[in-house]
C-alpha atoms as a PDB file:
ATOM      1  CA  MET A   1      -0.248   0.195  -0.002  1.00  0.00           C
ATOM      2  CA  ASP A   2       1.125   3.842  -0.690  1.00  0.00           C
ATOM      3  CA  LYS A   3       2.163   5.566   2.282  1.00  0.00           C
ATOM      4  CA  LYS A   4      -0.613   8.257   1.490  1.00  0.00           C
ATOM      5  CA  LYS A   5      -3.445   5.940   1.213  1.00  0.00           C
ATOM      6  CA  ILE A   6      -2.192   4.698   4.577  1.00  0.00           C
ATOM      7  CA  TYR A   7      -2.430   8.117   6.256  1.00  0.00           C
ATOM      8  CA  LYS A   8      -5.783   8.641   4.545  1.00  0.00           C
ATOM      9  CA  VAL A   9      -7.104   5.310   6.432  1.00  0.00           C
ATOM     10  CA  ILE A  10      -5.553   6.664   9.655  1.00  0.00           C
ATOM     11  CA  ALA A  11      -6.999  10.128   9.516  1.00  0.00           C
ATOM     12  CA  LEU A  12     -10.294   8.557   8.572  1.00  0.00           C
ATOM     13  CA  PHE A  13      -9.972   5.872  11.136  1.00  0.00           C
ATOM     14  CA  SER A  14      -9.523   8.365  13.700  1.00  0.00           C
ATOM     15  CA  PHE A  15     -12.239  10.559  12.809  1.00  0.00           C
ATOM     16  CA  PHE A  16     -14.923   7.400  13.192  1.00  0.00           C
ATOM     17  CA  ILE A  17     -13.553   6.718  16.198  1.00  0.00           C
ATOM     18  CA  CYS A  18     -13.968  10.128  17.779  1.00  0.00           C
ATOM     19  CA  ILE A  19     -17.650   9.950  16.388  1.00  0.00           C
ATOM     20  CA  LEU A  20     -18.184   6.640  18.014  1.00  0.00           C
ATOM     21  CA  ALA A  21     -16.975   7.894  21.161  1.00  0.00           C
ATOM     22  CA  TRP A  22     -19.807  10.578  21.278  1.00  0.00           C
ATOM     23  CA  ILE A  23     -22.738   7.863  20.963  1.00  0.00           C
ATOM     24  CA  PRO A  24     -23.272   6.927  24.105  1.00  0.00           C
ATOM     25  CA  ASN A  25     -23.312  10.323  25.283  1.00  0.00           C
ATOM     26  CA  ILE A  26     -25.604  11.857  22.812  1.00  0.00           C
ATOM     27  CA  VAL A  27     -27.742   9.018  21.120  1.00  0.00           C
ATOM     28  CA  PHE A  28     -28.178   6.929  24.372  1.00  0.00           C
ATOM     29  CA  GLN A  29     -28.047   9.385  27.151  1.00  0.00           C
ATOM     30  CA  ILE A  30     -25.663   7.325  29.215  1.00  0.00           C
ATOM     31  CA  PRO A  31     -22.688   9.008  30.955  1.00  0.00           C
ATOM     32  CA  SER A  32     -19.736   7.536  29.139  1.00  0.00           C
ATOM     33  CA  PRO A  33     -15.931   9.005  29.555  1.00  0.00           C
ATOM     34  CA  PHE A  34     -14.968   7.917  25.887  1.00  0.00           C
ATOM     35  CA  TRP A  35     -15.696  11.373  24.763  1.00  0.00           C
ATOM     36  CA  MET A  36     -12.580  12.182  26.270  1.00  0.00           C
ATOM     37  CA  SER A  37     -10.474  10.217  23.937  1.00  0.00           C
ATOM     38  CA  THR A  38     -11.005  12.584  21.115  1.00  0.00           C
ATOM     39  CA  PHE A  39      -8.318  14.390  23.041  1.00  0.00           C
ATOM     40  CA  VAL A  40      -6.068  11.738  22.112  1.00  0.00           C
ATOM     41  CA  VAL A  41      -7.283  10.499  18.991  1.00  0.00           C
ATOM     42  CA  ALA A  42      -8.369  13.768  16.952  1.00  0.00           C
ATOM     43  CA  PRO A  43      -4.829  15.065  17.115  1.00  0.00           C
ATOM     44  CA  VAL A  44      -3.623  12.110  15.480  1.00  0.00           C
ATOM     45  CA  GLY A  45      -6.001  12.528  12.506  1.00  0.00           C
ATOM     46  CA  ILE A  46      -5.156  15.675  11.885  1.00  0.00           C
ATOM     47  CA  VAL A  47      -1.637  15.202  12.111  1.00  0.00           C
ATOM     48  CA  PHE A  48      -1.998  12.410   9.098  1.00  0.00           C
ATOM     49  CA  ALA A  49      -4.411  14.474   7.688  1.00  0.00           C
ATOM     50  CA  THR A  50      -1.871  17.064   7.463  1.00  0.00           C
ATOM     51  CA  LEU A  51       0.631  14.752   5.942  1.00  0.00           C
ATOM     52  CA  ILE A  52      -1.545  13.940   2.949  1.00  0.00           C
ATOM     53  CA  ARG A  53      -2.787  17.319   2.670  1.00  0.00           C
ATOM     54  CA  LYS A  54      -6.546  16.707   2.350  1.00  0.00           C
ATOM     55  CA  SER A  55      -8.387  19.731   3.964  1.00  0.00           C
ATOM     56  CA  TRP A  56     -11.881  18.253   4.724  1.00  0.00           C
ATOM     57  CA  LEU A  57      -9.859  15.287   6.888  1.00  0.00           C
ATOM     58  CA  ILE A  58      -8.063  18.141   8.605  1.00  0.00           C
ATOM     59  CA  VAL A  59     -11.426  20.295   9.134  1.00  0.00           C
ATOM     60  CA  ALA A  60     -13.169  17.040  10.666  1.00  0.00           C
ATOM     61  CA  ASN A  61     -10.633  16.041  12.983  1.00  0.00           C
ATOM     62  CA  THR A  62     -10.121  19.371  13.829  1.00  0.00           C
ATOM     63  CA  LEU A  63     -14.124  19.629  15.073  1.00  0.00           C
ATOM     64  CA  MET A  64     -13.995  16.459  16.609  1.00  0.00           C
ATOM     65  CA  PHE A  65     -11.018  17.929  18.506  1.00  0.00           C
ATOM     66  CA  PHE A  66     -13.336  20.806  19.846  1.00  0.00           C
ATOM     67  CA  SER A  67     -16.312  18.619  19.885  1.00  0.00           C
ATOM     68  CA  PHE A  68     -16.784  19.064  23.575  1.00  0.00           C
ATOM     69  CA  PHE A  69     -16.654  22.809  23.303  1.00  0.00           C
ATOM     70  CA  ILE A  70     -18.747  22.702  20.717  1.00  0.00           C
ATOM     71  CA  LEU A  71     -21.605  20.625  22.401  1.00  0.00           C
ATOM     72  CA  MET A  72     -21.396  22.601  25.362  1.00  0.00           C
ATOM     73  CA  PHE A  73     -22.186  25.656  23.842  1.00  0.00           C
ATOM     74  CA  VAL A  74     -24.867  24.325  22.053  1.00  0.00           C
ATOM     75  CA  GLY A  75     -26.286  22.740  25.363  1.00  0.00           C
ATOM     76  CA  TYR A  76     -25.771  26.193  26.850  1.00  0.00           C
ATOM     77  CA  VAL A  77     -27.663  28.034  23.803  1.00  0.00           C
ATOM     78  CA  VAL A  78     -30.446  25.564  23.814  1.00  0.00           C
ATOM     79  CA  ASN A  79     -30.945  25.808  27.555  1.00  0.00           C
ATOM     80  CA  ALA A  80     -30.846  29.633  27.566  1.00  0.00           C
ATOM     81  CA  ASN A  81     -33.835  29.566  25.067  1.00  0.00           C
ATOM     82  CA  PHE A  82     -35.995  27.129  26.601  1.00  0.00           C
ATOM     83  CA  SER A  83     -35.251  28.988  30.462  1.00  0.00           C
END
């Protein structure tokens, strides 16, 4: 396999792992500490996406890195509108 294909697979895999880490909290409403893995896995995806220069993978993994803060902001906005 070519290095670029391997790097792309790693970047995609890290993105999907980050999405899967949020599923218990968001979909099933079960408090799970797996979301904290996004702080470790997403930077790996960012590095490998940067190595292959795929901007959409860089953006996707960066959004997953900041997903906790994004979801906190959305939660505060929703609660402020319903209070």
